[in-house]
Amino acid sequence: MREILHVDEGRRLVYFVASGLVATDPYRRTVCRAGLDGTGFIRVTDDDLDHVATVAPGMDYFIDSAYTSTPRR
């Protein structure tokens, strides 16, 4: 886990950024969610891009910028 984005106490969920989930690049960031009890882990961003997420002030949504480190030809 690299960064906690939001803790939803009512739904008992935590949204966070993790690294190490992309086999080809352990530094790529992935947005994830899990229950506060440690169950129900899912990748919210389910691709191999590097994600930078910013949570909106009201915590209703987040803005995701995704990058690839693969050079274009």
PDB file of N, CA and C in Angstrom:
ATOM      1  N   MET A   1       0.842  -1.159   0.000  1.00  0.00           N
ATOM      2  CA  MET A   1       0.000   0.000   0.000  1.00  0.00           C
ATOM      3  C   MET A   1       0.897   1.234   0.000  1.00  0.00           C
ATOM      4  N   ARG A   2       0.565   2.159  -0.902  1.00  0.00           N
ATOM      5  CA  ARG A   2       1.350   3.390  -0.996  1.00  0.00           C
ATOM      6  C   ARG A   2       0.623   4.600  -0.431  1.00  0.00           C
ATOM      7  N   GLU A   3      -0.712   4.608  -0.570  1.00  0.00           N
ATOM      8  CA  GLU A   3      -1.463   5.791  -0.160  1.00  0.00           C
ATOM      9  C   GLU A   3      -2.922   5.418   0.110  1.00  0.00           C
ATOM     10  N   ILE A   4      -3.469   5.904   1.189  1.00  0.00           N
ATOM     11  CA  ILE A   4      -4.895   5.737   1.451  1.00  0.00           C
ATOM     12  C   ILE A   4      -5.618   6.913   0.813  1.00  0.00           C
ATOM     13  N   LEU A   5      -6.590   6.609  -0.035  1.00  0.00           N
ATOM     14  CA  LEU A   5      -7.350   7.645  -0.721  1.00  0.00           C
ATOM     15  C   LEU A   5      -8.583   8.066   0.079  1.00  0.00           C
ATOM     16  N   HIS A   6      -9.277   7.084   0.654  1.00  0.00           N
ATOM     17  CA  HIS A   6     -10.516   7.393   1.366  1.00  0.00           C
ATOM     18  C   HIS A   6     -10.934   6.200   2.215  1.00  0.00           C
ATOM     19  N   VAL A   7     -11.440   6.496   3.397  1.00  0.00           N
ATOM     20  CA  VAL A   7     -12.021   5.470   4.264  1.00  0.00           C
ATOM     21  C   VAL A   7     -13.510   5.770   4.377  1.00  0.00           C
ATOM     22  N   ASP A   8     -14.319   4.826   3.926  1.00  0.00           N
ATOM     23  CA  ASP A   8     -15.774   4.951   4.008  1.00  0.00           C
ATOM     24  C   ASP A   8     -16.210   4.140   5.232  1.00  0.00           C
ATOM     25  N   GLU A   9     -16.364   4.821   6.354  1.00  0.00           N
ATOM     26  CA  GLU A   9     -16.687   4.122   7.598  1.00  0.00           C
ATOM     27  C   GLU A   9     -18.077   3.510   7.570  1.00  0.00           C
ATOM     28  N   GLY A  10     -19.016   4.176   6.904  1.00  0.00           N
ATOM     29  CA  GLY A  10     -20.383   3.653   6.824  1.00  0.00           C
ATOM     30  C   GLY A  10     -20.458   2.326   6.090  1.00  0.00           C
ATOM     31  N   ARG A  11     -19.738   2.227   4.975  1.00  0.00           N
ATOM     32  CA  ARG A  11     -19.719   0.978   4.199  1.00  0.00           C
ATOM     33  C   ARG A  11     -18.581   0.064   4.613  1.00  0.00           C
ATOM     34  N   ARG A  12     -17.737   0.534   5.539  1.00  0.00           N
ATOM     35  CA  ARG A  12     -16.591  -0.225   6.059  1.00  0.00           C
ATOM     36  C   ARG A  12     -15.630  -0.631   4.950  1.00  0.00           C
ATOM     37  N   LEU A  13     -15.273   0.370   4.101  1.00  0.00           N
ATOM     38  CA  LEU A  13     -14.359   0.141   2.985  1.00  0.00           C
ATOM     39  C   LEU A  13     -13.217   1.147   3.020  1.00  0.00           C
ATOM     40  N   VAL A  14     -12.074   0.736   2.520  1.00  0.00           N
ATOM     41  CA  VAL A  14     -10.943   1.637   2.345  1.00  0.00           C
ATOM     42  C   VAL A  14     -10.517   1.587   0.877  1.00  0.00           C
ATOM     43  N   TYR A  15     -10.300   2.752   0.299  1.00  0.00           N
ATOM     44  CA  TYR A  15      -9.801   2.891  -1.070  1.00  0.00           C
ATOM     45  C   TYR A  15      -8.355   3.337  -0.963  1.00  0.00           C
ATOM     46  N   PHE A  16      -7.479   2.697  -1.726  1.00  0.00           N
ATOM     47  CA  PHE A  16      -6.055   2.985  -1.586  1.00  0.00           C
ATOM     48  C   PHE A  16      -5.312   2.741  -2.886  1.00  0.00           C
ATOM     49  N   VAL A  17      -4.075   3.214  -2.934  1.00  0.00           N
ATOM     50  CA  VAL A  17      -3.184   2.987  -4.067  1.00  0.00           C
ATOM     51  C   VAL A  17      -2.136   1.981  -3.613  1.00  0.00           C
ATOM     52  N   ALA A  18      -1.920   0.968  -4.447  1.00  0.00           N
ATOM     53  CA  ALA A  18      -0.932  -0.066  -4.140  1.00  0.00           C
ATOM     54  C   ALA A  18       0.025  -0.236  -5.312  1.00  0.00           C
ATOM     55  N   SER A  19       1.208  -0.707  -5.020  1.00  0.00           N
ATOM     56  CA  SER A  19       2.184  -1.067  -6.052  1.00  0.00           C
ATOM     57  C   SER A  19       2.484  -2.550  -5.918  1.00  0.00           C
ATOM     58  N   GLY A  20       3.105  -3.100  -6.952  1.00  0.00           N
ATOM     59  CA  GLY A  20       3.492  -4.503  -6.909  1.00  0.00           C
ATOM     60  C   GLY A  20       2.456  -5.458  -7.465  1.00  0.00           C
ATOM     61  N   LEU A  21       1.390  -4.934  -8.061  1.00  0.00           N
ATOM     62  CA  LEU A  21       0.341  -5.797  -8.612  1.00  0.00           C
ATOM     63  C   LEU A  21       0.495  -6.031 -10.112  1.00  0.00           C
ATOM     64  N   VAL A  22       1.412  -5.308 -10.757  1.00  0.00           N
ATOM     65  CA  VAL A  22       1.669  -5.467 -12.194  1.00  0.00           C
ATOM     66  C   VAL A  22       3.007  -6.191 -12.336  1.00  0.00           C
ATOM     67  N   ALA A  23       2.961  -7.390 -12.860  1.00  0.00           N
ATOM     68  CA  ALA A  23       4.159  -8.241 -12.913  1.00  0.00           C
ATOM     69  C   ALA A  23       5.310  -7.610 -13.696  1.00  0.00           C
ATOM     70  N   THR A  24       4.997  -6.865 -14.745  1.00  0.00           N
ATOM     71  CA  THR A  24       6.053  -6.297 -15.588  1.00  0.00           C
ATOM     72  C   THR A  24       6.706  -5.057 -14.996  1.00  0.00           C
ATOM     73  N   ASP A  25       6.075  -4.432 -14.002  1.00  0.00           N
ATOM     74  CA  ASP A  25       6.632  -3.226 -13.390  1.00  0.00           C
ATOM     75  C   ASP A  25       6.107  -3.096 -11.959  1.00  0.00           C
ATOM     76  N   PRO A  26       6.906  -3.475 -10.964  1.00  0.00           N
ATOM     77  CA  PRO A  26       6.427  -3.452  -9.581  1.00  0.00           C
ATOM     78  C   PRO A  26       6.181  -2.048  -9.027  1.00  0.00           C
ATOM     79  N   TYR A  27       6.572  -1.015  -9.760  1.00  0.00           N
ATOM     80  CA  TYR A  27       6.389   0.362  -9.292  1.00  0.00           C
ATOM     81  C   TYR A  27       5.088   0.984  -9.791  1.00  0.00           C
ATOM     82  N   ARG A  28       4.420   0.341 -10.713  1.00  0.00           N
ATOM     83  CA  ARG A  28       3.162   0.900 -11.228  1.00  0.00           C
ATOM     84  C   ARG A  28       2.113   0.903 -10.133  1.00  0.00           C
ATOM     85  N   ARG A  29       1.322   1.989 -10.121  1.00  0.00           N
ATOM     86  CA  ARG A  29       0.315   2.179  -9.083  1.00  0.00           C
ATOM     87  C   ARG A  29      -1.055   1.715  -9.570  1.00  0.00           C
ATOM     88  N   THR A  30      -1.782   1.060  -8.678  1.00  0.00           N
ATOM     89  CA  THR A  30      -3.114   0.521  -8.955  1.00  0.00           C
ATOM     90  C   THR A  30      -4.058   1.000  -7.859  1.00  0.00           C
ATOM     91  N   VAL A  31      -5.251   1.469  -8.250  1.00  0.00           N
ATOM     92  CA  VAL A  31      -6.251   1.873  -7.275  1.00  0.00           C
ATOM     93  C   VAL A  31      -7.021   0.619  -6.848  1.00  0.00           C
ATOM     94  N   CYS A  32      -7.150   0.431  -5.533  1.00  0.00           N
ATOM     95  CA  CYS A  32      -7.772  -0.778  -4.991  1.00  0.00           C
ATOM     96  C   CYS A  32      -8.796  -0.415  -3.923  1.00  0.00           C
ATOM     97  N   ARG A  33      -9.577  -1.421  -3.552  1.00  0.00           N
ATOM     98  CA  ARG A  33     -10.556  -1.278  -2.478  1.00  0.00           C
ATOM     99  C   ARG A  33     -10.560  -2.572  -1.668  1.00  0.00           C
ATOM    100  N   ALA A  34     -10.759  -2.429  -0.374  1.00  0.00           N
ATOM    101  CA  ALA A  34     -10.875  -3.603   0.497  1.00  0.00           C
ATOM    102  C   ALA A  34     -11.740  -3.246   1.694  1.00  0.00           C
ATOM    103  N   GLY A  35     -12.308  -4.265   2.304  1.00  0.00           N
ATOM    104  CA  GLY A  35     -13.074  -4.059   3.523  1.00  0.00           C
ATOM    105  C   GLY A  35     -12.142  -3.728   4.676  1.00  0.00           C
ATOM    106  N   LEU A  36     -12.641  -2.985   5.645  1.00  0.00           N
ATOM    107  CA  LEU A  36     -11.826  -2.637   6.801  1.00  0.00           C
ATOM    108  C   LEU A  36     -11.430  -3.865   7.612  1.00  0.00           C
ATOM    109  N   ASP A  37     -12.114  -4.981   7.393  1.00  0.00           N
ATOM    110  CA  ASP A  37     -11.750  -6.227   8.069  1.00  0.00           C
ATOM    111  C   ASP A  37     -10.732  -7.035   7.268  1.00  0.00           C
ATOM    112  N   GLY A  38     -10.256  -6.469   6.130  1.00  0.00           N
ATOM    113  CA  GLY A  38      -9.237  -7.138   5.322  1.00  0.00           C
ATOM    114  C   GLY A  38      -9.784  -8.053   4.246  1.00  0.00           C
ATOM    115  N   THR A  39     -11.101  -8.162   4.128  1.00  0.00           N
ATOM    116  CA  THR A  39     -11.691  -9.028   3.108  1.00  0.00           C
ATOM    117  C   THR A  39     -12.166  -8.197   1.921  1.00  0.00           C
ATOM    118  N   GLY A  40     -12.512  -8.869   0.830  1.00  0.00           N
ATOM    119  CA  GLY A  40     -13.127  -8.220  -0.319  1.00  0.00           C
ATOM    120  C   GLY A  40     -12.197  -7.361  -1.150  1.00  0.00           C
ATOM    121  N   PHE A  41     -10.912  -7.694  -1.198  1.00  0.00           N
ATOM    122  CA  PHE A  41      -9.956  -6.920  -1.992  1.00  0.00           C
ATOM    123  C   PHE A  41     -10.318  -6.970  -3.469  1.00  0.00           C
ATOM    124  N   ILE A  42     -10.351  -5.804  -4.124  1.00  0.00           N
ATOM    125  CA  ILE A  42     -10.507  -5.739  -5.586  1.00  0.00           C
ATOM    126  C   ILE A  42      -9.615  -4.635  -6.129  1.00  0.00           C
ATOM    127  N   ARG A  43      -9.212  -4.808  -7.391  1.00  0.00           N
ATOM    128  CA  ARG A  43      -8.507  -3.757  -8.117  1.00  0.00           C
ATOM    129  C   ARG A  43      -9.566  -2.905  -8.801  1.00  0.00           C
ATOM    130  N   VAL A  44      -9.682  -1.647  -8.404  1.00  0.00           N
ATOM    131  CA  VAL A  44     -10.640  -0.734  -9.029  1.00  0.00           C
ATOM    132  C   VAL A  44     -10.185  -0.416 -10.445  1.00  0.00           C
ATOM    133  N   THR A  45      -8.898  -0.192 -10.621  1.00  0.00           N
ATOM    134  CA  THR A  45      -8.317  -0.010 -11.959  1.00  0.00           C
ATOM    135  C   THR A  45      -7.693  -1.341 -12.329  1.00  0.00           C
ATOM    136  N   ASP A  46      -8.307  -2.039 -13.274  1.00  0.00           N
ATOM    137  CA  ASP A  46      -7.893  -3.413 -13.576  1.00  0.00           C
ATOM    138  C   ASP A  46      -7.129  -3.528 -14.887  1.00  0.00           C
ATOM    139  N   ASP A  47      -6.140  -2.644 -15.067  1.00  0.00           N
ATOM    140  CA  ASP A  47      -5.274  -2.718 -16.240  1.00  0.00           C
ATOM    141  C   ASP A  47      -3.823  -2.619 -15.762  1.00  0.00           C
ATOM    142  N   ASP A  48      -2.888  -2.562 -16.683  1.00  0.00           N
ATOM    143  CA  ASP A  48      -1.474  -2.520 -16.313  1.00  0.00           C
ATOM    144  C   ASP A  48      -0.875  -1.121 -16.418  1.00  0.00           C
ATOM    145  N   LEU A  49      -1.719  -0.090 -16.413  1.00  0.00           N
ATOM    146  CA  LEU A  49      -1.228   1.278 -16.487  1.00  0.00           C
ATOM    147  C   LEU A  49      -0.831   1.778 -15.102  1.00  0.00           C
ATOM    148  N   ASP A  50      -0.082   2.883 -15.072  1.00  0.00           N
ATOM    149  CA  ASP A  50       0.318   3.519 -13.821  1.00  0.00           C
ATOM    150  C   ASP A  50      -0.721   4.584 -13.493  1.00  0.00           C
ATOM    151  N   HIS A  51      -1.408   4.439 -12.354  1.00  0.00           N
ATOM    152  CA  HIS A  51      -2.536   5.299 -12.015  1.00  0.00           C
ATOM    153  C   HIS A  51      -2.183   6.302 -10.916  1.00  0.00           C
ATOM    154  N   VAL A  52      -2.594   7.545 -11.150  1.00  0.00           N
ATOM    155  CA  VAL A  52      -2.475   8.604 -10.155  1.00  0.00           C
ATOM    156  C   VAL A  52      -3.900   9.076  -9.886  1.00  0.00           C
ATOM    157  N   ALA A  53      -4.377   8.869  -8.671  1.00  0.00           N
ATOM    158  CA  ALA A  53      -5.766   9.191  -8.335  1.00  0.00           C
ATOM    159  C   ALA A  53      -5.819  10.366  -7.368  1.00  0.00           C
ATOM    160  N   THR A  54      -6.791  11.248  -7.611  1.00  0.00           N
ATOM    161  CA  THR A  54      -7.058  12.388  -6.740  1.00  0.00           C
ATOM    162  C   THR A  54      -8.516  12.306  -6.319  1.00  0.00           C
ATOM    163  N   VAL A  55      -8.765  12.348  -5.024  1.00  0.00           N
ATOM    164  CA  VAL A  55     -10.130  12.245  -4.513  1.00  0.00           C
ATOM    165  C   VAL A  55     -10.753  13.640  -4.495  1.00  0.00           C
ATOM    166  N   ALA A  56     -12.008  13.725  -4.945  1.00  0.00           N
ATOM    167  CA  ALA A  56     -12.744  14.991  -4.944  1.00  0.00           C
ATOM    168  C   ALA A  56     -12.992  15.444  -3.510  1.00  0.00           C
ATOM    169  N   PRO A  57     -13.125  16.756  -3.291  1.00  0.00           N
ATOM    170  CA  PRO A  57     -13.321  17.279  -1.937  1.00  0.00           C
ATOM    171  C   PRO A  57     -14.491  16.639  -1.174  1.00  0.00           C
ATOM    172  N   GLY A  58     -15.591  16.328  -1.839  1.00  0.00           N
ATOM    173  CA  GLY A  58     -16.726  15.702  -1.158  1.00  0.00           C
ATOM    174  C   GLY A  58     -16.595  14.199  -1.003  1.00  0.00           C
ATOM    175  N   MET A  59     -15.513  13.610  -1.490  1.00  0.00           N
ATOM    176  CA  MET A  59     -15.244  12.173  -1.424  1.00  0.00           C
ATOM    177  C   MET A  59     -16.261  11.346  -2.212  1.00  0.00           C
ATOM    178  N   ASP A  60     -16.993  11.983  -3.135  1.00  0.00           N
ATOM    179  CA  ASP A  60     -18.002  11.276  -3.927  1.00  0.00           C
ATOM    180  C   ASP A  60     -17.411  10.543  -5.132  1.00  0.00           C
ATOM    181  N   TYR A  61     -16.250  10.981  -5.588  1.00  0.00           N
ATOM    182  CA  TYR A  61     -15.617  10.367  -6.761  1.00  0.00           C
ATOM    183  C   TYR A  61     -14.132  10.673  -6.723  1.00  0.00           C
ATOM    184  N   PHE A  62     -13.379  10.016  -7.611  1.00  0.00           N
ATOM    185  CA  PHE A  62     -11.969  10.354  -7.741  1.00  0.00           C
ATOM    186  C   PHE A  62     -11.647  10.534  -9.215  1.00  0.00           C
ATOM    187  N   ILE A  63     -10.625  11.322  -9.449  1.00  0.00           N
ATOM    188  CA  ILE A  63     -10.129  11.561 -10.803  1.00  0.00           C
ATOM    189  C   ILE A  63      -8.882  10.718 -10.972  1.00  0.00           C
ATOM    190  N   ASP A  64      -8.858   9.945 -12.050  1.00  0.00           N
ATOM    191  CA  ASP A  64      -7.764   9.019 -12.283  1.00  0.00           C
ATOM    192  C   ASP A  64      -7.034   9.409 -13.560  1.00  0.00           C
ATOM    193  N   SER A  65      -5.723   9.586 -13.449  1.00  0.00           N
ATOM    194  CA  SER A  65      -4.869   9.791 -14.619  1.00  0.00           C
ATOM    195  C   SER A  65      -4.027   8.540 -14.766  1.00  0.00           C
ATOM    196  N   ALA A  66      -4.060   7.945 -15.940  1.00  0.00           N
ATOM    197  CA  ALA A  66      -3.342   6.693 -16.155  1.00  0.00           C
ATOM    198  C   ALA A  66      -2.268   6.885 -17.205  1.00  0.00           C
ATOM    199  N   TYR A  67      -1.119   6.284 -16.944  1.00  0.00           N
ATOM    200  CA  TYR A  67       0.039   6.431 -17.828  1.00  0.00           C
ATOM    201  C   TYR A  67       0.610   5.069 -18.160  1.00  0.00           C
ATOM    202  N   THR A  68       1.303   5.028 -19.279  1.00  0.00           N
ATOM    203  CA  THR A  68       2.059   3.842 -19.628  1.00  0.00           C
ATOM    204  C   THR A  68       3.510   4.246 -19.803  1.00  0.00           C
ATOM    205  N   SER A  69       4.408   3.396 -19.437  1.00  0.00           N
ATOM    206  CA  SER A  69       5.833   3.706 -19.612  1.00  0.00           C
ATOM    207  C   SER A  69       6.385   3.082 -20.886  1.00  0.00           C
ATOM    208  N   THR A  70       5.498   2.455 -21.655  1.00  0.00           N
ATOM    209  CA  THR A  70       5.922   1.832 -22.907  1.00  0.00           C
ATOM    210  C   THR A  70       6.061   2.909 -23.978  1.00  0.00           C
ATOM    211  N   PRO A  71       7.236   3.043 -24.592  1.00  0.00           N
ATOM    212  CA  PRO A  71       7.411   4.075 -25.624  1.00  0.00           C
ATOM    213  C   PRO A  71       6.562   3.770 -26.853  1.00  0.00           C
ATOM    214  N   ARG A  72       6.019   4.827 -27.445  1.00  0.00           N
ATOM    215  CA  ARG A  72       5.261   4.661 -28.680  1.00  0.00           C
ATOM    216  C   ARG A  72       6.215   4.638 -29.864  1.00  0.00           C
ATOM    217  N   ARG A  73       5.830   3.882 -30.871  1.00  0.00           N
ATOM    218  CA  ARG A  73       6.682   3.795 -32.082  1.00  0.00           C
ATOM    219  C   ARG A  73       6.031   4.522 -33.212  1.00  0.00           C
TER     220      ARG A  73
END
